[in-house]
Amino acid sequence: MQTEPRIPNPESRIPSSESQWFAIWTRSRHEQVVREQLERKHFEAFLPTITKWSRWKDRKKKIDWPLFPGYCFARFDPGDSLPILKCAGVVNIVSFEGKPAAIPEYELESIRVLVGSELQYDPCPLIREGMMVEVAHGPLRGVIGRLMRKDAHRARLVLSVDLIGQAVSVEVDAADVKPY
């Protein structure tokens, strides 16, 4: 006796208690394509964008660029991930120890609220105290050190000579440091 292959009912993809948000790693510049495919397959997808000016030889134009290049977000049951992986442009689902890593809903909701507001925003690297950072701008450009403290405008950077157990600290503009 032959059985029909199980074709998932698109209506069953309505968010359930098992569905959570996940980050989808995409090929370069395929974020929009992946979002469109996910929506065609009836998955809830989210691609936050930022409007930037693009320049060509003959003109300038405002373009919506992904806020987080290389990533799109989707809500789904991790047991139903095969249709996600089959989308053209999807590299993988961001995972931890081989299992898709869920994103807390409040994190994406916060991004959604910000993107929907009239406020000015820019992507920035996630830098935490204790990380090794490099100064990207200013008179200390290229200097590498450990970030000891960071507030809204200033960052305390420690430059060390580990071999002799000595260090010196300096305060720099927080916007001038990036992860090393």
C-alpha atoms as a PDB file:
ATOM      1  CA  MET A   1       0.000   0.000   0.000  1.00  0.00           C
ATOM      2  CA  GLN A   2       1.444   3.325  -1.083  1.00  0.00           C
ATOM      3  CA  THR A   3       0.888   6.408   1.033  1.00  0.00           C
ATOM      4  CA  GLU A   4       0.744   9.983  -0.179  1.00  0.00           C
ATOM      5  CA  PRO A   5       3.758  12.126   0.773  1.00  0.00           C
ATOM      6  CA  ARG A   6       2.899  14.434   3.641  1.00  0.00           C
ATOM      7  CA  ILE A   7       2.597  17.979   2.326  1.00  0.00           C
ATOM      8  CA  PRO A   8       2.522  20.492   5.169  1.00  0.00           C
ATOM      9  CA  ASN A   9      -0.624  22.565   5.292  1.00  0.00           C
ATOM     10  CA  PRO A  10       0.360  26.253   4.997  1.00  0.00           C
ATOM     11  CA  GLU A  11      -2.349  27.096   7.525  1.00  0.00           C
ATOM     12  CA  SER A  12      -0.487  24.935  10.050  1.00  0.00           C
ATOM     13  CA  ARG A  13       2.361  27.459   9.921  1.00  0.00           C
ATOM     14  CA  ILE A  14       0.336  30.001  11.862  1.00  0.00           C
ATOM     15  CA  PRO A  15       2.471  30.758  14.949  1.00  0.00           C
ATOM     16  CA  SER A  16       1.837  28.163  17.619  1.00  0.00           C
ATOM     17  CA  SER A  17       3.191  27.734  21.111  1.00  0.00           C
ATOM     18  CA  GLU A  18       6.151  25.775  19.644  1.00  0.00           C
ATOM     19  CA  SER A  19       7.061  28.428  17.065  1.00  0.00           C
ATOM     20  CA  GLN A  20       9.824  30.817  18.008  1.00  0.00           C
ATOM     21  CA  TRP A  21      11.992  33.358  16.230  1.00  0.00           C
ATOM     22  CA  PHE A  22      15.239  32.160  14.661  1.00  0.00           C
ATOM     23  CA  ALA A  23      18.034  33.853  12.708  1.00  0.00           C
ATOM     24  CA  ILE A  24      18.511  32.608   9.162  1.00  0.00           C
ATOM     25  CA  TRP A  25      22.045  32.993   7.802  1.00  0.00           C
ATOM     26  CA  THR A  26      21.823  34.017   4.144  1.00  0.00           C
ATOM     27  CA  ARG A  27      24.196  34.272   1.228  1.00  0.00           C
ATOM     28  CA  SER A  28      25.590  37.741   0.663  1.00  0.00           C
ATOM     29  CA  ARG A  29      22.909  40.142  -0.617  1.00  0.00           C
ATOM     30  CA  HIS A  30      20.178  37.450  -0.567  1.00  0.00           C
ATOM     31  CA  GLU A  31      18.321  38.687   2.538  1.00  0.00           C
ATOM     32  CA  GLN A  32      15.359  40.142   0.591  1.00  0.00           C
ATOM     33  CA  VAL A  33      15.051  37.040  -1.619  1.00  0.00           C
ATOM     34  CA  VAL A  34      15.023  34.783   1.446  1.00  0.00           C
ATOM     35  CA  ARG A  35      12.373  36.936   3.181  1.00  0.00           C
ATOM     36  CA  GLU A  36      10.134  36.811   0.104  1.00  0.00           C
ATOM     37  CA  GLN A  37      10.483  33.018  -0.189  1.00  0.00           C
ATOM     38  CA  LEU A  38       9.710  32.525   3.505  1.00  0.00           C
ATOM     39  CA  GLU A  39       6.566  34.626   3.169  1.00  0.00           C
ATOM     40  CA  ARG A  40       5.487  32.674   0.051  1.00  0.00           C
ATOM     41  CA  LYS A  41       5.836  29.504   2.144  1.00  0.00           C
ATOM     42  CA  HIS A  42       3.610  31.138   4.800  1.00  0.00           C
ATOM     43  CA  PHE A  43       6.319  31.658   7.420  1.00  0.00           C
ATOM     44  CA  GLU A  44       6.339  34.881   9.407  1.00  0.00           C
ATOM     45  CA  ALA A  45       9.557  36.649   8.365  1.00  0.00           C
ATOM     46  CA  PHE A  46      11.245  39.840   9.525  1.00  0.00           C
ATOM     47  CA  LEU A  47      14.000  41.724   7.714  1.00  0.00           C
ATOM     48  CA  PRO A  48      14.851  44.996   9.459  1.00  0.00           C
ATOM     49  CA  THR A  49      16.286  47.572   7.067  1.00  0.00           C
ATOM     50  CA  ILE A  50      17.992  50.942   7.155  1.00  0.00           C
ATOM     51  CA  THR A  51      17.674  53.522   4.382  1.00  0.00           C
ATOM     52  CA  LYS A  52      20.999  54.710   2.961  1.00  0.00           C
ATOM     53  CA  TRP A  53      22.054  56.709  -0.051  1.00  0.00           C
ATOM     54  CA  SER A  54      23.609  54.637  -2.843  1.00  0.00           C
ATOM     55  CA  ARG A  55      25.736  56.317  -5.441  1.00  0.00           C
ATOM     56  CA  TRP A  56      26.326  55.369  -9.039  1.00  0.00           C
ATOM     57  CA  LYS A  57      28.241  57.266 -11.712  1.00  0.00           C
ATOM     58  CA  ASP A  58      25.135  59.035 -12.986  1.00  0.00           C
ATOM     59  CA  ARG A  59      22.819  59.271  -9.937  1.00  0.00           C
ATOM     60  CA  LYS A  60      22.176  58.900  -6.227  1.00  0.00           C
ATOM     61  CA  LYS A  61      19.240  56.968  -4.796  1.00  0.00           C
ATOM     62  CA  LYS A  62      17.908  56.006  -1.366  1.00  0.00           C
ATOM     63  CA  ILE A  63      18.018  52.227  -0.916  1.00  0.00           C
ATOM     64  CA  ASP A  64      16.777  50.032   1.935  1.00  0.00           C
ATOM     65  CA  TRP A  65      19.709  47.906   3.109  1.00  0.00           C
ATOM     66  CA  PRO A  66      19.478  45.061   5.656  1.00  0.00           C
ATOM     67  CA  LEU A  67      20.201  46.345   9.153  1.00  0.00           C
ATOM     68  CA  PHE A  68      22.023  43.064   9.881  1.00  0.00           C
ATOM     69  CA  PRO A  69      23.671  42.006   6.580  1.00  0.00           C
ATOM     70  CA  GLY A  70      23.635  38.263   6.015  1.00  0.00           C
ATOM     71  CA  TYR A  71      20.653  37.588   8.288  1.00  0.00           C
ATOM     72  CA  CYS A  72      16.894  37.353   8.032  1.00  0.00           C
ATOM     73  CA  PHE A  73      14.576  36.310  10.870  1.00  0.00           C
ATOM     74  CA  ALA A  74      11.704  33.823  10.771  1.00  0.00           C
ATOM     75  CA  ARG A  75       9.193  32.404  13.219  1.00  0.00           C
ATOM     76  CA  PHE A  76       8.739  28.648  12.938  1.00  0.00           C
ATOM     77  CA  ASP A  77       8.649  25.365  14.812  1.00  0.00           C
ATOM     78  CA  PRO A  78      12.249  24.018  14.802  1.00  0.00           C
ATOM     79  CA  GLY A  79      10.840  20.625  13.825  1.00  0.00           C
ATOM     80  CA  ASP A  80       9.604  22.210  10.567  1.00  0.00           C
ATOM     81  CA  SER A  81      12.952  23.650   9.436  1.00  0.00           C
ATOM     82  CA  LEU A  82      13.430  21.760   6.149  1.00  0.00           C
ATOM     83  CA  PRO A  83      11.309  24.204   4.083  1.00  0.00           C
ATOM     84  CA  ILE A  84      13.425  27.039   5.511  1.00  0.00           C
ATOM     85  CA  LEU A  85      16.699  25.350   4.533  1.00  0.00           C
ATOM     86  CA  LYS A  86      15.368  24.694   1.012  1.00  0.00           C
ATOM     87  CA  CYS A  87      14.916  28.416   0.277  1.00  0.00           C
ATOM     88  CA  ALA A  88      17.393  29.683  -2.320  1.00  0.00           C
ATOM     89  CA  GLY A  89      19.961  31.887  -0.630  1.00  0.00           C
ATOM     90  CA  VAL A  90      19.710  30.266   2.817  1.00  0.00           C
ATOM     91  CA  VAL A  91      23.075  29.092   4.125  1.00  0.00           C
ATOM     92  CA  ASN A  92      21.833  27.721   7.458  1.00  0.00           C
ATOM     93  CA  ILE A  93      19.771  28.396  10.542  1.00  0.00           C
ATOM     94  CA  VAL A  94      21.914  29.946  13.274  1.00  0.00           C
ATOM     95  CA  SER A  95      22.379  27.075  15.716  1.00  0.00           C
ATOM     96  CA  PHE A  96      24.021  26.225  19.001  1.00  0.00           C
ATOM     97  CA  GLU A  97      25.304  22.678  19.549  1.00  0.00           C
ATOM     98  CA  GLY A  98      23.547  21.545  16.380  1.00  0.00           C
ATOM     99  CA  LYS A  99      20.086  22.846  17.373  1.00  0.00           C
ATOM    100  CA  PRO A 100      18.484  26.031  16.020  1.00  0.00           C
ATOM    101  CA  ALA A 101      19.045  28.801  18.584  1.00  0.00           C
ATOM    102  CA  ALA A 102      15.841  30.689  19.394  1.00  0.00           C
ATOM    103  CA  ILE A 103      15.878  34.468  19.719  1.00  0.00           C
ATOM    104  CA  PRO A 104      13.873  35.973  22.604  1.00  0.00           C
ATOM    105  CA  GLU A 105      10.783  37.655  21.170  1.00  0.00           C
ATOM    106  CA  TYR A 106      11.436  40.913  23.044  1.00  0.00           C
ATOM    107  CA  GLU A 107      14.757  41.393  21.204  1.00  0.00           C
ATOM    108  CA  LEU A 108      13.166  41.321  17.758  1.00  0.00           C
ATOM    109  CA  GLU A 109      10.123  43.269  18.950  1.00  0.00           C
ATOM    110  CA  SER A 110      12.464  46.019  20.202  1.00  0.00           C
ATOM    111  CA  ILE A 111      14.166  46.158  16.784  1.00  0.00           C
ATOM    112  CA  ARG A 112      10.744  46.218  15.074  1.00  0.00           C
ATOM    113  CA  VAL A 113       9.613  49.179  17.224  1.00  0.00           C
ATOM    114  CA  LEU A 114      12.849  51.084  16.521  1.00  0.00           C
ATOM    115  CA  VAL A 115      12.715  50.470  12.757  1.00  0.00           C
ATOM    116  CA  GLY A 116       9.066  51.585  12.702  1.00  0.00           C
ATOM    117  CA  SER A 117       9.840  54.818  14.563  1.00  0.00           C
ATOM    118  CA  GLU A 118      11.026  58.105  13.099  1.00  0.00           C
ATOM    119  CA  LEU A 119      14.247  57.971  15.162  1.00  0.00           C
ATOM    120  CA  GLN A 120      17.655  57.977  13.498  1.00  0.00           C
ATOM    121  CA  TYR A 121      19.540  54.695  14.051  1.00  0.00           C
ATOM    122  CA  ASP A 122      22.736  53.072  12.807  1.00  0.00           C
ATOM    123  CA  PRO A 123      24.083  49.527  13.120  1.00  0.00           C
ATOM    124  CA  CYS A 124      27.009  49.165  15.497  1.00  0.00           C
ATOM    125  CA  PRO A 125      29.207  46.302  16.660  1.00  0.00           C
ATOM    126  CA  LEU A 126      28.249  44.614  19.924  1.00  0.00           C
ATOM    127  CA  ILE A 127      31.089  45.440  22.297  1.00  0.00           C
ATOM    128  CA  ARG A 128      31.130  44.340  25.922  1.00  0.00           C
ATOM    129  CA  GLU A 129      33.430  45.177  28.781  1.00  0.00           C
ATOM    130  CA  GLY A 130      36.388  42.802  28.882  1.00  0.00           C
ATOM    131  CA  MET A 131      36.564  42.359  25.095  1.00  0.00           C
ATOM    132  CA  MET A 132      39.665  43.054  23.055  1.00  0.00           C
ATOM    133  CA  VAL A 133      38.992  46.087  20.849  1.00  0.00           C
ATOM    134  CA  GLU A 134      40.775  48.158  18.239  1.00  0.00           C
ATOM    135  CA  VAL A 135      40.561  51.924  17.944  1.00  0.00           C
ATOM    136  CA  ALA A 136      39.215  52.633  14.446  1.00  0.00           C
ATOM    137  CA  HIS A 137      39.411  56.450  14.360  1.00  0.00           C
ATOM    138  CA  GLY A 138      41.321  59.301  15.938  1.00  0.00           C
ATOM    139  CA  PRO A 139      44.910  59.708  17.107  1.00  0.00           C
ATOM    140  CA  LEU A 140      45.028  56.146  18.538  1.00  0.00           C
ATOM    141  CA  ARG A 141      43.829  54.514  15.309  1.00  0.00           C
ATOM    142  CA  GLY A 142      45.080  50.908  15.098  1.00  0.00           C
ATOM    143  CA  VAL A 143      45.781  50.616  18.839  1.00  0.00           C
ATOM    144  CA  ILE A 144      44.530  47.343  20.366  1.00  0.00           C
ATOM    145  CA  GLY A 145      43.533  46.990  24.002  1.00  0.00           C
ATOM    146  CA  ARG A 146      40.984  45.577  26.435  1.00  0.00           C
ATOM    147  CA  LEU A 147      37.747  47.505  26.973  1.00  0.00           C
ATOM    148  CA  MET A 148      37.373  48.046  30.711  1.00  0.00           C
ATOM    149  CA  ARG A 149      34.373  50.378  30.863  1.00  0.00           C
ATOM    150  CA  LYS A 150      31.969  51.777  28.305  1.00  0.00           C
ATOM    151  CA  ASP A 151      29.217  54.340  28.784  1.00  0.00           C
ATOM    152  CA  ALA A 152      27.186  56.292  26.247  1.00  0.00           C
ATOM    153  CA  HIS A 153      30.037  58.480  24.974  1.00  0.00           C
ATOM    154  CA  ARG A 154      33.314  57.348  26.510  1.00  0.00           C
ATOM    155  CA  ALA A 155      35.216  54.071  26.733  1.00  0.00           C
ATOM    156  CA  ARG A 156      38.076  53.204  29.115  1.00  0.00           C
ATOM    157  CA  LEU A 157      40.687  51.209  27.243  1.00  0.00           C
ATOM    158  CA  VAL A 158      43.567  49.339  28.898  1.00  0.00           C
ATOM    159  CA  LEU A 159      46.758  48.800  26.917  1.00  0.00           C
ATOM    160  CA  SER A 160      48.988  46.177  28.455  1.00  0.00           C
ATOM    161  CA  VAL A 161      52.388  44.555  28.205  1.00  0.00           C
ATOM    162  CA  ASP A 162      51.397  41.128  29.528  1.00  0.00           C
ATOM    163  CA  LEU A 163      54.928  39.761  29.690  1.00  0.00           C
ATOM    164  CA  ILE A 164      55.928  42.247  32.404  1.00  0.00           C
ATOM    165  CA  GLY A 165      52.459  42.528  33.972  1.00  0.00           C
ATOM    166  CA  GLN A 166      52.119  46.268  33.380  1.00  0.00           C
ATOM    167  CA  ALA A 167      49.339  48.312  31.805  1.00  0.00           C
ATOM    168  CA  VAL A 168      48.170  51.849  31.130  1.00  0.00           C
ATOM    169  CA  SER A 169      44.592  53.035  30.631  1.00  0.00           C
ATOM    170  CA  VAL A 170      43.203  55.752  28.392  1.00  0.00           C
ATOM    171  CA  GLU A 171      39.738  57.143  27.731  1.00  0.00           C
ATOM    172  CA  VAL A 172      38.572  57.278  24.105  1.00  0.00           C
ATOM    173  CA  ASP A 173      35.356  58.110  22.286  1.00  0.00           C
ATOM    174  CA  ALA A 174      33.100  55.019  22.509  1.00  0.00           C
ATOM    175  CA  ALA A 175      32.155  55.366  18.827  1.00  0.00           C
ATOM    176  CA  ASP A 176      35.815  54.983  17.843  1.00  0.00           C
ATOM    177  CA  VAL A 177      36.296  51.387  19.038  1.00  0.00           C
ATOM    178  CA  LYS A 178      35.403  48.140  17.274  1.00  0.00           C
ATOM    179  CA  PRO A 179      35.855  44.477  18.212  1.00  0.00           C
ATOM    180  CA  TYR A 180      39.346  43.154  17.497  1.00  0.00           C
END
